[in-house]
N, C-alpha and C. Protein backbone atom coordinates (compact mmCIF):
# COMPACT_ATOMS: atom_id res chain seq x y z
N MET A 1 0.70 -1.35 -0.15
CA MET A 1 0.06 -0.26 -0.15
C MET A 1 0.85 1.13 0.09
N PRO A 2 0.28 2.45 -0.41
CA PRO A 2 1.02 3.47 -0.70
C PRO A 2 1.69 4.23 0.81
N ARG A 3 2.53 4.62 0.83
CA ARG A 3 3.17 5.15 2.17
C ARG A 3 3.17 6.84 1.91
N PHE A 4 2.91 7.61 2.99
CA PHE A 4 2.54 8.78 2.89
C PHE A 4 3.43 9.49 4.13
N THR A 5 3.94 10.70 3.84
CA THR A 5 4.52 11.20 5.17
C THR A 5 3.81 12.55 5.26
N LEU A 6 3.23 12.97 6.80
CA LEU A 6 2.66 13.95 6.91
C LEU A 6 3.37 14.87 8.12
N SER A 7 3.38 16.01 7.87
CA SER A 7 4.13 17.31 8.47
C SER A 7 3.06 18.53 8.72
N ALA A 8 3.21 18.81 9.92
CA ALA A 8 2.40 19.95 9.89
C ALA A 8 3.36 21.38 10.36
N LEU A 9 2.48 22.51 9.68
CA LEU A 9 3.69 23.65 9.63
C LEU A 9 2.75 24.76 9.53
N PRO A 10 2.84 25.81 10.65
CA PRO A 10 2.08 27.21 11.11
C PRO A 10 2.04 27.82 9.72
N VAL A 11 0.48 27.80 9.24
CA VAL A 11 0.17 28.81 8.20
C VAL A 11 -0.91 29.04 8.55
N TYR A 12 -1.31 30.28 7.57
CA TYR A 12 -2.66 30.82 7.61
C TYR A 12 -3.29 30.98 6.05
N ARG A 13 -4.50 30.91 5.81
CA ARG A 13 -5.01 31.52 4.41
C ARG A 13 -5.41 32.89 4.75
N LEU A 14 -5.19 33.84 3.55
CA LEU A 14 -5.74 34.99 3.56
C LEU A 14 -6.47 35.18 2.36
N VAL A 15 -7.92 35.54 2.46
CA VAL A 15 -8.63 35.89 1.32
C VAL A 15 -8.62 37.31 1.07
N LEU A 16 -7.99 37.39 -0.26
CA LEU A 16 -7.71 38.90 -0.85
C LEU A 16 -8.77 39.17 -2.10
N ALA A 17 -9.00 39.94 -2.33
CA ALA A 17 -9.81 40.53 -3.70
C ALA A 17 -9.41 39.52 -4.96
N HIS A 18 -8.52 39.24 -5.19
CA HIS A 18 -7.98 38.52 -6.38
C HIS A 18 -8.04 36.82 -5.98
N GLY A 19 -8.03 36.55 -4.79
CA GLY A 19 -8.05 35.00 -4.62
C GLY A 19 -7.86 34.96 -3.22
N ALA A 20 -7.47 33.68 -2.71
CA ALA A 20 -7.07 33.26 -1.28
C ALA A 20 -5.39 32.68 -1.47
N ILE A 21 -4.86 33.26 -0.59
CA ILE A 21 -3.38 32.56 -0.71
C ILE A 21 -2.89 31.75 0.59
N LEU A 22 -2.02 30.78 0.59
CA LEU A 22 -1.72 30.47 1.64
C LEU A 22 -0.37 30.91 2.23
N LYS A 23 -0.05 31.84 3.49
CA LYS A 23 1.03 32.28 3.92
C LYS A 23 1.43 31.60 5.20
N SER A 24 2.96 31.54 5.42
CA SER A 24 3.54 30.93 6.01
C SER A 24 3.50 31.62 7.59
N ALA A 25 3.31 30.88 8.81
CA ALA A 25 3.58 31.92 9.93
C ALA A 25 5.05 31.38 10.68
N GLY A 26 5.74 30.79 9.96
CA GLY A 26 7.01 30.31 10.71
C GLY A 26 7.06 29.09 10.01
N GLU A 27 8.63 28.82 10.14
CA GLU A 27 9.35 27.36 9.71
C GLU A 27 9.45 26.19 10.33
N THR A 28 9.01 26.24 11.40
CA THR A 28 9.20 25.14 12.50
C THR A 28 8.11 24.30 12.58
N GLU A 29 8.33 23.10 12.55
CA GLU A 29 7.23 22.22 12.53
C GLU A 29 6.66 21.79 13.85
N LEU A 30 5.39 21.77 13.82
CA LEU A 30 4.42 21.86 15.08
C LEU A 30 4.37 20.39 15.80
N ASP A 31 5.12 19.66 15.19
CA ASP A 31 4.88 18.11 15.77
C ASP A 31 5.85 17.45 14.68
N GLN A 32 6.02 16.17 15.14
CA GLN A 32 6.87 15.13 14.29
C GLN A 32 6.29 14.67 13.40
N PRO A 33 6.99 14.62 12.30
CA PRO A 33 6.52 14.26 11.07
C PRO A 33 5.99 12.75 11.20
N VAL A 34 4.88 12.11 10.50
CA VAL A 34 4.60 10.77 10.70
C VAL A 34 4.27 10.06 9.49
N THR A 35 4.54 8.77 9.02
CA THR A 35 4.41 7.94 7.88
C THR A 35 3.18 7.41 8.15
N ILE A 36 2.26 7.31 7.31
CA ILE A 36 1.18 6.61 7.20
C ILE A 36 0.93 5.80 6.16
N VAL A 37 0.07 4.70 5.94
CA VAL A 37 -0.34 3.75 5.00
C VAL A 37 -1.58 3.63 4.68
N ALA A 38 -1.83 3.99 3.42
CA ALA A 38 -3.19 4.16 3.24
C ALA A 38 -3.47 3.91 1.48
N ASP A 39 -4.52 3.06 1.45
CA ASP A 39 -4.70 3.31 0.00
C ASP A 39 -6.08 3.66 -0.98
N THR A 40 -6.92 4.48 0.04
CA THR A 40 -7.95 5.02 -0.30
C THR A 40 -8.09 6.45 0.26
N LEU A 41 -8.81 7.29 -0.54
CA LEU A 41 -9.11 8.50 0.03
C LEU A 41 -9.77 8.63 1.38
N PRO A 42 -10.84 8.05 1.52
CA PRO A 42 -11.16 8.07 3.13
C PRO A 42 -10.33 8.00 4.00
N ASP A 43 -9.22 6.43 3.78
CA ASP A 43 -8.62 6.35 4.64
C ASP A 43 -7.25 7.56 5.06
N ILE A 44 -7.03 7.88 3.65
CA ILE A 44 -6.20 8.92 3.87
C ILE A 44 -6.61 10.16 4.77
N ALA A 45 -7.84 10.73 4.63
CA ALA A 45 -8.52 11.72 5.30
C ALA A 45 -8.66 11.32 6.71
N HIS A 46 -9.07 10.44 6.99
CA HIS A 46 -9.11 9.58 8.57
C HIS A 46 -7.97 10.00 9.17
N LYS A 47 -6.78 9.29 8.58
CA LYS A 47 -5.27 9.43 9.20
C LYS A 47 -4.68 10.83 9.39
N VAL A 48 -5.21 11.77 8.39
CA VAL A 48 -4.92 12.98 8.51
C VAL A 48 -5.44 13.42 9.91
N GLN A 49 -6.94 13.32 9.81
CA GLN A 49 -7.83 14.05 10.88
C GLN A 49 -6.99 13.67 12.07
N GLU A 50 -6.72 12.36 12.08
CA GLU A 50 -6.26 11.82 13.76
C GLU A 50 -4.77 12.51 14.15
N TYR A 51 -3.86 12.73 12.95
CA TYR A 51 -2.73 13.19 12.89
C TYR A 51 -3.04 14.95 13.24
N GLY A 52 -3.88 15.54 12.71
CA GLY A 52 -4.52 16.96 12.99
C GLY A 52 -4.90 17.16 14.37
N GLU A 53 -5.57 16.26 14.90
CA GLU A 53 -6.20 16.09 16.19
C GLU A 53 -4.71 16.07 17.49
N LYS A 54 -3.74 15.38 17.01
CA LYS A 54 -2.59 15.33 17.97
C LYS A 54 -2.01 16.45 17.94
N VAL A 55 -1.68 17.14 16.56
CA VAL A 55 -0.80 18.30 16.61
C VAL A 55 -1.52 19.50 17.34
N SER A 56 -2.94 19.25 17.09
CA SER A 56 -3.68 20.51 17.96
C SER A 56 -3.79 20.52 19.22
N HIS A 57 -3.59 18.99 19.78
CA HIS A 57 -3.61 18.81 21.33
C HIS A 57 -2.03 19.21 21.58
N HIS A 58 -1.01 19.03 21.18
CA HIS A 58 0.20 19.52 21.28
C HIS A 58 0.69 20.98 21.21
N ALA A 59 -0.24 21.92 20.29
CA ALA A 59 0.10 23.02 20.22
C ALA A 59 -1.56 23.55 19.75
N PRO A 60 -2.17 23.86 20.89
CA PRO A 60 -3.59 24.35 20.88
C PRO A 60 -3.42 25.83 20.70
N ARG A 61 -4.41 26.25 19.87
CA ARG A 61 -4.83 27.45 19.23
C ARG A 61 -3.96 28.01 17.99
N ARG A 62 -3.13 26.77 17.60
CA ARG A 62 -2.28 27.45 16.47
C ARG A 62 -3.00 27.21 15.13
N SER A 63 -2.60 28.02 14.45
CA SER A 63 -3.08 27.86 12.96
C SER A 63 -1.94 27.04 12.12
N PHE A 64 -2.12 25.89 11.38
CA PHE A 64 -1.30 25.15 10.53
C PHE A 64 -1.98 24.26 9.68
N GLY A 65 -1.29 24.17 8.55
CA GLY A 65 -1.61 23.06 7.73
C GLY A 65 -1.03 21.95 7.77
N ILE A 66 -1.51 20.92 6.89
CA ILE A 66 -0.66 19.49 7.12
C ILE A 66 -0.36 19.28 5.81
N PHE A 67 0.83 18.93 5.40
CA PHE A 67 1.24 18.78 4.14
C PHE A 67 1.94 17.15 3.81
N ILE A 68 1.19 16.83 2.79
CA ILE A 68 1.41 15.41 2.70
C ILE A 68 2.12 14.94 1.39
N GLY A 69 3.06 14.17 1.74
CA GLY A 69 4.00 13.65 0.37
C GLY A 69 4.27 12.23 0.47
N CYS A 70 4.68 12.08 -0.81
CA CYS A 70 5.09 10.60 -0.82
C CYS A 70 6.20 10.33 -1.79
N GLU A 71 6.87 9.43 -1.84
CA GLU A 71 8.21 8.94 -2.58
C GLU A 71 7.75 9.07 -4.28
N ARG A 72 8.63 9.27 -4.79
CA ARG A 72 8.51 9.52 -6.48
C ARG A 72 7.95 8.13 -6.84
N GLY A 73 7.06 8.02 -7.70
CA GLY A 73 6.91 7.00 -8.39
C GLY A 73 5.60 6.07 -7.50
N VAL A 74 5.41 6.77 -6.43
CA VAL A 74 4.08 5.76 -5.55
C VAL A 74 2.93 6.32 -6.52
N ARG A 75 2.11 4.98 -6.56
CA ARG A 75 1.02 5.05 -7.15
C ARG A 75 -0.35 5.72 -6.16
N LYS A 76 -0.94 6.94 -6.49
CA LYS A 76 -1.73 7.48 -5.70
C LYS A 76 -3.01 6.96 -5.90
N PRO A 77 -4.39 6.98 -4.82
CA PRO A 77 -5.38 6.49 -4.80
C PRO A 77 -6.15 7.38 -6.14
N PRO A 78 -6.79 6.89 -6.94
CA PRO A 78 -7.79 7.53 -8.09
C PRO A 78 -8.05 8.88 -7.24
N GLY A 79 -8.09 10.15 -8.03
CA GLY A 79 -8.90 11.39 -7.41
C GLY A 79 -8.16 12.03 -6.27
N PHE A 80 -6.64 11.55 -6.04
CA PHE A 80 -5.96 12.03 -4.97
C PHE A 80 -5.74 13.60 -5.12
N GLU A 81 -5.23 14.17 -6.39
CA GLU A 81 -4.98 15.64 -6.45
C GLU A 81 -6.02 16.61 -6.63
N THR A 82 -7.27 15.76 -6.77
CA THR A 82 -8.48 16.80 -7.07
C THR A 82 -9.26 16.94 -5.64
N ALA A 83 -8.99 15.85 -4.83
CA ALA A 83 -9.61 15.73 -3.38
C ALA A 83 -8.37 16.77 -2.61
N ARG A 84 -7.26 16.66 -3.06
CA ARG A 84 -6.32 17.43 -2.13
C ARG A 84 -6.60 19.13 -2.61
N ARG A 85 -6.81 19.46 -3.99
CA ARG A 85 -7.14 20.64 -4.28
C ARG A 85 -8.49 21.27 -3.39
N HIS A 86 -9.49 20.25 -3.51
CA HIS A 86 -10.84 20.66 -2.99
C HIS A 86 -11.02 20.66 -1.60
N GLN A 87 -9.85 20.35 -0.94
CA GLN A 87 -9.74 20.45 0.75
C GLN A 87 -10.86 19.04 1.28
N GLN A 88 -10.48 18.26 0.56
CA GLN A 88 -11.05 16.87 1.08
C GLN A 88 -10.39 15.82 1.84
N LEU A 89 -9.22 16.18 1.85
CA LEU A 89 -8.40 15.17 3.05
C LEU A 89 -8.21 16.09 4.57
N ASN A 90 -8.87 17.00 5.02
CA ASN A 90 -8.75 17.48 6.11
C ASN A 90 -7.10 18.12 6.13
N LEU A 91 -6.52 18.34 5.18
CA LEU A 91 -5.43 19.35 5.45
C LEU A 91 -5.47 20.25 5.88
N GLU A 92 -6.37 21.24 5.77
CA GLU A 92 -6.39 22.68 6.05
C GLU A 92 -7.46 22.69 7.19
N ARG A 93 -7.73 21.72 7.83
CA ARG A 93 -8.88 21.72 8.81
C ARG A 93 -8.80 22.58 9.91
N TRP A 94 -7.45 22.78 10.42
CA TRP A 94 -6.98 23.56 11.74
C TRP A 94 -6.24 24.80 10.75
N THR A 95 -6.62 25.28 9.63
CA THR A 95 -5.70 26.46 9.09
C THR A 95 -6.94 27.53 9.41
N HIS A 96 -6.30 28.80 9.77
CA HIS A 96 -7.37 29.77 9.97
C HIS A 96 -7.39 30.49 8.44
N VAL A 97 -8.46 30.91 8.30
CA VAL A 97 -8.80 31.62 6.92
C VAL A 97 -9.07 33.12 7.48
N ILE A 98 -8.48 34.10 6.93
CA ILE A 98 -8.45 35.47 7.37
C ILE A 98 -8.82 36.46 6.30
N TYR A 99 -9.70 37.28 6.42
CA TYR A 99 -10.21 38.34 5.84
C TYR A 99 -9.48 39.64 6.14
N PRO A 100 -8.42 40.12 5.83
CA PRO A 100 -7.33 41.15 6.24
C PRO A 100 -8.20 42.49 6.48
N GLU A 101 -9.06 42.68 5.17
CA GLU A 101 -9.67 43.96 5.27
C GLU A 101 -11.32 43.63 5.25
N PRO A 102 -11.77 43.31 6.31
CA PRO A 102 -13.25 43.17 6.35
C PRO A 102 -14.27 44.51 6.42
N GLU A 103 -15.07 44.03 5.78
CA GLU A 103 -15.98 45.70 5.84
C GLU A 103 -17.42 45.11 6.09
N HIS A 104 -18.14 46.45 6.71
CA HIS A 104 -19.33 46.16 7.64
C HIS A 104 -19.65 47.76 7.52
N GLY A 105 -21.01 47.63 7.40
CA GLY A 105 -21.65 49.09 7.41
C GLY A 105 -21.84 49.63 8.60
N ASP A 106 -22.43 51.05 8.76
CA ASP A 106 -22.80 51.43 10.11
C ASP A 106 -21.43 51.61 11.40
N ASP A 107 -20.32 51.78 10.45
CA ASP A 107 -19.04 52.09 11.20
C ASP A 107 -18.86 50.89 12.46
N GLN A 108 -19.59 49.44 12.05
CA GLN A 108 -19.02 48.40 12.98
C GLN A 108 -18.16 47.67 12.55
N PRO A 109 -17.01 46.95 12.91
CA PRO A 109 -16.14 46.35 12.72
C PRO A 109 -16.66 45.11 12.18
N GLY A 110 -15.87 44.60 11.06
CA GLY A 110 -16.42 43.47 10.05
C GLY A 110 -15.81 41.98 10.93
N VAL A 111 -16.17 40.92 10.14
CA VAL A 111 -15.56 39.79 10.79
C VAL A 111 -14.19 39.62 9.80
N ARG A 112 -13.21 39.37 10.77
CA ARG A 112 -11.71 38.86 10.23
C ARG A 112 -11.93 37.19 9.92
N MET A 113 -12.31 36.55 10.63
CA MET A 113 -12.50 35.10 10.57
C MET A 113 -13.66 34.53 11.06
N TRP A 114 -14.41 33.67 10.01
CA TRP A 114 -15.72 32.94 10.15
C TRP A 114 -15.39 31.92 10.98
N GLY A 115 -14.15 31.13 10.67
CA GLY A 115 -13.84 30.10 11.25
C GLY A 115 -14.65 28.91 10.88
N SER A 116 -14.60 27.69 11.53
CA SER A 116 -14.64 26.46 11.00
C SER A 116 -15.10 25.44 12.44
N ALA A 117 -15.37 24.66 12.00
CA ALA A 117 -15.45 23.44 12.99
C ALA A 117 -14.19 23.56 14.07
N GLU A 118 -13.26 23.77 13.55
CA GLU A 118 -11.86 23.67 14.47
C GLU A 118 -10.98 25.02 14.30
N THR A 119 -11.52 25.95 14.06
CA THR A 119 -11.01 27.22 13.77
C THR A 119 -12.07 28.14 14.35
N PRO A 120 -11.50 29.54 15.17
CA PRO A 120 -12.27 30.41 15.88
C PRO A 120 -12.79 31.36 14.91
N PHE A 121 -14.06 31.88 15.50
CA PHE A 121 -14.59 33.07 14.71
C PHE A 121 -13.83 34.28 15.57
N GLN A 122 -13.77 35.42 14.86
CA GLN A 122 -13.11 36.76 15.19
C GLN A 122 -13.68 37.89 14.34
N ILE A 123 -14.18 38.96 15.32
CA ILE A 123 -14.46 40.35 14.80
C ILE A 123 -13.26 41.03 14.83
N ASP A 124 -13.30 41.78 13.48
CA ASP A 124 -12.08 42.33 13.56
C ASP A 124 -11.75 43.48 14.43
N GLY A 125 -10.36 43.64 15.23
CA GLY A 125 -10.07 44.17 16.08
C GLY A 125 -10.17 43.56 17.64
N GLN A 126 -10.68 42.37 17.55
CA GLN A 126 -10.84 41.91 18.78
C GLN A 126 -10.12 40.41 18.91
N PRO A 127 -10.05 39.67 19.97
CA PRO A 127 -9.44 38.51 20.07
C PRO A 127 -10.44 37.78 19.39
N PRO A 128 -9.77 36.48 18.92
CA PRO A 128 -10.94 35.54 18.21
C PRO A 128 -11.36 34.69 19.70
N PHE A 129 -12.52 34.02 19.30
CA PHE A 129 -13.42 33.57 20.42
C PHE A 129 -13.17 32.14 20.56
N TRP A 130 -12.20 31.60 21.62
CA TRP A 130 -12.35 30.34 21.63
C TRP A 130 -13.04 29.74 23.06
N ARG A 131 -13.51 28.29 22.93
CA ARG A 131 -14.09 27.90 24.05
C ARG A 131 -13.23 28.25 25.36
N GLU A 132 -14.16 28.42 26.56
CA GLU A 132 -13.41 28.70 27.70
C GLU A 132 -13.14 27.34 28.15
N THR A 133 -12.46 27.43 29.25
CA THR A 133 -12.03 26.41 30.02
C THR A 133 -13.14 25.38 30.67
N HIS A 134 -13.97 26.38 31.04
CA HIS A 134 -15.33 25.66 31.98
C HIS A 134 -16.43 25.67 30.61
N VAL A 135 -17.40 24.84 30.91
CA VAL A 135 -18.51 24.59 29.87
C VAL A 135 -19.43 26.28 30.32
N ASP A 136 -19.73 26.52 29.08
CA ASP A 136 -21.01 27.82 29.10
C ASP A 136 -22.01 27.54 28.25
N GLU A 137 -22.94 28.46 28.54
CA GLU A 137 -24.44 28.19 27.80
C GLU A 137 -24.23 28.05 26.37
N PHE A 138 -22.94 28.35 25.69
CA PHE A 138 -23.15 28.24 24.17
C PHE A 138 -22.46 27.10 23.74
N VAL A 139 -21.79 26.30 24.57
CA VAL A 139 -20.88 25.11 24.01
C VAL A 139 -22.12 24.08 23.56
N GLU A 140 -23.00 23.66 24.18
CA GLU A 140 -23.93 22.56 23.63
C GLU A 140 -24.89 23.06 22.26
N PRO A 141 -25.47 24.56 22.26
CA PRO A 141 -26.26 24.72 21.17
C PRO A 141 -24.95 24.63 19.83
N ALA A 142 -23.57 25.18 19.95
CA ALA A 142 -22.88 25.11 18.83
C ALA A 142 -22.29 23.51 18.57
N GLN A 143 -22.88 22.42 19.52
CA GLN A 143 -22.44 21.18 19.12
C GLN A 143 -20.94 20.92 18.65
N GLY A 144 -20.11 21.43 19.17
CA GLY A 144 -18.71 21.22 18.68
C GLY A 144 -18.06 22.06 17.69
N HIS A 145 -19.05 22.85 17.22
CA HIS A 145 -18.54 23.40 16.28
C HIS A 145 -18.09 24.70 16.77
N LEU A 146 -16.60 24.99 16.69
CA LEU A 146 -15.62 26.38 17.33
C LEU A 146 -16.15 27.45 16.50
N GLY A 147 -16.34 27.61 15.41
CA GLY A 147 -16.65 28.89 14.62
C GLY A 147 -18.02 29.34 15.06
N PHE A 148 -19.01 28.69 15.03
CA PHE A 148 -20.51 28.70 15.46
C PHE A 148 -20.34 29.22 16.94
N TYR A 149 -19.80 28.48 17.72
CA TYR A 149 -19.56 28.86 19.10
C TYR A 149 -18.95 30.42 19.37
N GLY A 150 -18.24 30.85 18.60
CA GLY A 150 -17.50 32.24 18.72
C GLY A 150 -18.52 33.12 17.89
N TRP A 151 -19.39 32.83 17.04
CA TRP A 151 -20.42 33.63 16.56
C TRP A 151 -21.51 33.92 17.50
N LEU A 152 -21.89 33.00 18.08
CA LEU A 152 -22.96 33.12 19.12
C LEU A 152 -22.41 33.75 20.20
N ARG A 153 -21.22 33.83 20.96
CA ARG A 153 -20.96 34.70 21.77
C ARG A 153 -20.73 36.21 21.24
N ALA A 154 -20.62 36.15 19.81
CA ALA A 154 -20.28 37.66 19.50
C ALA A 154 -21.90 38.12 19.52
N ALA A 155 -22.94 37.39 19.00
CA ALA A 155 -24.20 37.87 19.13
C ALA A 155 -24.74 38.04 20.30
N ASN A 156 -24.55 37.18 21.39
CA ASN A 156 -24.75 37.60 22.58
C ASN A 156 -24.18 38.47 23.20
N ALA A 157 -22.97 38.89 22.99
CA ALA A 157 -22.53 40.41 23.76
C ALA A 157 -23.27 41.39 22.98
N ALA A 158 -23.75 41.45 21.88
CA ALA A 158 -24.25 42.57 20.98
C ALA A 158 -25.87 42.57 21.53
N VAL A 159 -26.34 41.65 22.09
CA VAL A 159 -27.76 41.54 22.48
C VAL A 159 -27.51 42.24 24.20
N GLN A 160 -26.70 41.81 24.70
CA GLN A 160 -26.46 42.35 25.98
C GLN A 160 -25.92 44.02 26.31
N ARG A 161 -25.35 44.49 24.86
CA ARG A 161 -25.02 45.70 24.75
C ARG A 161 -26.11 46.57 24.55
N ARG A 162 -27.14 46.00 23.69
CA ARG A 162 -28.11 46.84 23.11
C ARG A 162 -29.34 46.64 24.18
N THR A 163 -29.21 45.68 25.08
CA THR A 163 -30.22 45.88 26.36
C THR A 163 -29.89 46.37 27.52
N HIS A 164 -28.49 46.35 27.50
CA HIS A 164 -28.03 47.00 28.77
C HIS A 164 -28.34 46.01 29.95
N GLY A 165 -28.71 44.62 29.80
CA GLY A 165 -28.88 43.77 30.81
C GLY A 165 -28.16 42.18 30.44
N ARG A 166 -28.94 41.29 31.04
CA ARG A 166 -28.39 40.06 30.94
C ARG A 166 -28.99 39.11 29.96
N ARG A 167 -30.27 39.70 29.26
CA ARG A 167 -30.58 38.79 28.52
C ARG A 167 -29.64 37.91 27.38
N MET A 168 -30.13 36.93 26.81
CA MET A 168 -28.98 36.10 26.01
C MET A 168 -29.71 35.97 24.53
N VAL A 169 -28.95 35.97 23.49
CA VAL A 169 -29.31 35.76 22.08
C VAL A 169 -30.23 34.73 21.98
N LEU A 170 -29.90 33.24 22.63
CA LEU A 170 -31.04 32.17 22.60
C LEU A 170 -31.99 32.62 23.17
N ASP A 171 -32.61 33.55 23.95
CA ASP A 171 -33.91 33.81 24.42
C ASP A 171 -34.48 34.48 23.43
N PHE A 172 -34.09 34.86 22.18
CA PHE A 172 -34.89 35.33 20.90
C PHE A 172 -34.79 34.83 19.76
N ALA A 173 -33.89 33.63 19.58
CA ALA A 173 -34.12 32.60 18.38
C ALA A 173 -33.16 31.32 18.80
N ARG A 174 -33.91 30.40 18.47
CA ARG A 174 -33.28 29.17 18.43
C ARG A 174 -31.69 28.81 17.80
N ALA A 175 -31.16 27.91 18.29
CA ALA A 175 -29.79 27.70 17.81
C ALA A 175 -29.63 27.22 16.27
N GLY A 176 -30.62 26.43 16.14
CA GLY A 176 -30.76 26.01 14.53
C GLY A 176 -31.10 27.39 13.96
N THR A 177 -31.94 28.27 13.89
CA THR A 177 -32.28 29.34 13.15
C THR A 177 -30.93 29.98 13.15
N LEU A 178 -30.45 30.33 14.22
CA LEU A 178 -28.96 31.23 14.23
C LEU A 178 -27.87 30.20 13.49
N ARG A 179 -28.06 29.22 13.39
CA ARG A 179 -26.81 28.29 12.46
C ARG A 179 -27.16 28.75 11.12
N VAL A 180 -28.30 28.73 10.53
CA VAL A 180 -28.70 29.22 9.46
C VAL A 180 -27.73 30.18 8.75
N GLY A 181 -27.88 31.46 10.18
CA GLY A 181 -27.32 32.98 9.82
C GLY A 181 -25.67 32.87 9.90
N TYR A 182 -25.38 32.02 10.74
CA TYR A 182 -23.72 31.90 10.29
C TYR A 182 -23.46 31.43 9.15
N ASP A 183 -24.11 30.15 8.89
CA ASP A 183 -23.52 29.55 7.43
C ASP A 183 -23.85 30.15 6.66
N ALA A 184 -24.63 31.16 6.49
CA ALA A 184 -24.82 32.18 5.28
C ALA A 184 -23.68 33.47 5.49
N HIS A 185 -22.97 33.30 6.40
CA HIS A 185 -22.08 34.40 6.70
C HIS A 185 -22.96 35.89 6.96
N GLU A 186 -23.72 35.91 7.78
CA GLU A 186 -24.26 36.87 7.99
C GLU A 186 -23.72 37.38 9.47
N HIS A 187 -23.43 38.70 9.48
CA HIS A 187 -22.87 39.17 10.64
C HIS A 187 -23.36 38.94 11.72
N PRO A 188 -23.23 38.74 12.86
CA PRO A 188 -23.71 38.62 14.12
C PRO A 188 -24.53 40.09 14.52
N TYR A 189 -23.70 40.79 14.38
CA TYR A 189 -24.49 42.28 15.04
C TYR A 189 -25.70 42.53 13.83
N ASP A 190 -25.63 41.94 12.61
CA ASP A 190 -26.87 42.69 11.80
C ASP A 190 -28.30 41.41 12.29
N VAL A 191 -27.77 40.34 12.46
CA VAL A 191 -28.78 39.14 13.03
C VAL A 191 -29.38 39.88 14.55
N VAL A 192 -28.70 40.45 15.65
CA VAL A 192 -29.30 40.99 16.53
C VAL A 192 -30.09 42.41 16.45
N GLU A 193 -29.70 43.02 15.28
CA GLU A 193 -30.20 44.16 14.90
C GLU A 193 -31.67 43.97 14.30
N ALA A 194 -31.99 42.78 13.83
CA ALA A 194 -33.23 42.28 13.36
C ALA A 194 -34.02 41.91 14.56
N PHE A 195 -33.53 41.77 15.70
CA PHE A 195 -34.29 41.63 16.85
C PHE A 195 -35.01 42.70 17.53
N ALA A 196 -34.76 43.92 17.09
CA ALA A 196 -35.44 45.01 17.58
C ALA A 196 -35.63 45.12 19.04
N LEU A 197 -34.23 45.02 19.78
CA LEU A 197 -34.13 44.85 21.07
C LEU A 197 -34.41 46.41 21.70
N GLN A 198 -34.91 46.31 23.10
CA GLN A 198 -35.08 47.49 23.63
C GLN A 198 -34.22 47.20 25.21
N PRO A 199 -33.87 48.30 25.67
CA PRO A 199 -33.25 48.36 27.05
C PRO A 199 -34.32 47.63 27.88
N GLU A 200 -33.18 46.80 29.04
CA GLU A 200 -34.08 46.32 29.78
C GLU A 200 -34.92 47.45 30.91
N ASN A 201 -34.08 48.37 31.03
CA ASN A 201 -34.36 49.42 31.80
C ASN A 201 -35.37 50.46 31.55
N ALA A 202 -35.84 50.16 30.04
CA ALA A 202 -36.60 51.26 29.46
C ALA A 202 -37.65 51.48 30.12
């Protein structure tokens, strides 16, 4: 069976007007390279996933890409290059996708990172939203999706700013409805604006 080498390097992906580019964030490997043996695309994707989870555990909150190589002449599974180009092998599952010049109306900051299952959501000019060390009220509704978790927290902060109180975003909409907005890349501030909130002490 074909043997592949996996290595993890710190990188991030920038989304620019002319397209997205992968940028280096350092040359030091985040974990020891490993060799896997696999002859199908699902098997490769599964073993890349396992390796990525290990790297993420050893280098938490780091943005990285997994690079896969094999010896010259090795017969790769059919569709390998297509799967790699279309990010179907989990090679960029932990790679932060950054919009360096996010735009948003009403003089509000835009979204710098929408995040993914394994990468965080970030409002421009603010730190990324990572899961707290303790379980909070957004962990369960997010169902393990880190980007949606951060989006919920950003929306919740907007609700509390507008109401000057302790009401929660989940008091006004179900998690499933909010997930539709997140998946459509609706800015959390715009979603909260649609709630027509009033201050609690009004």
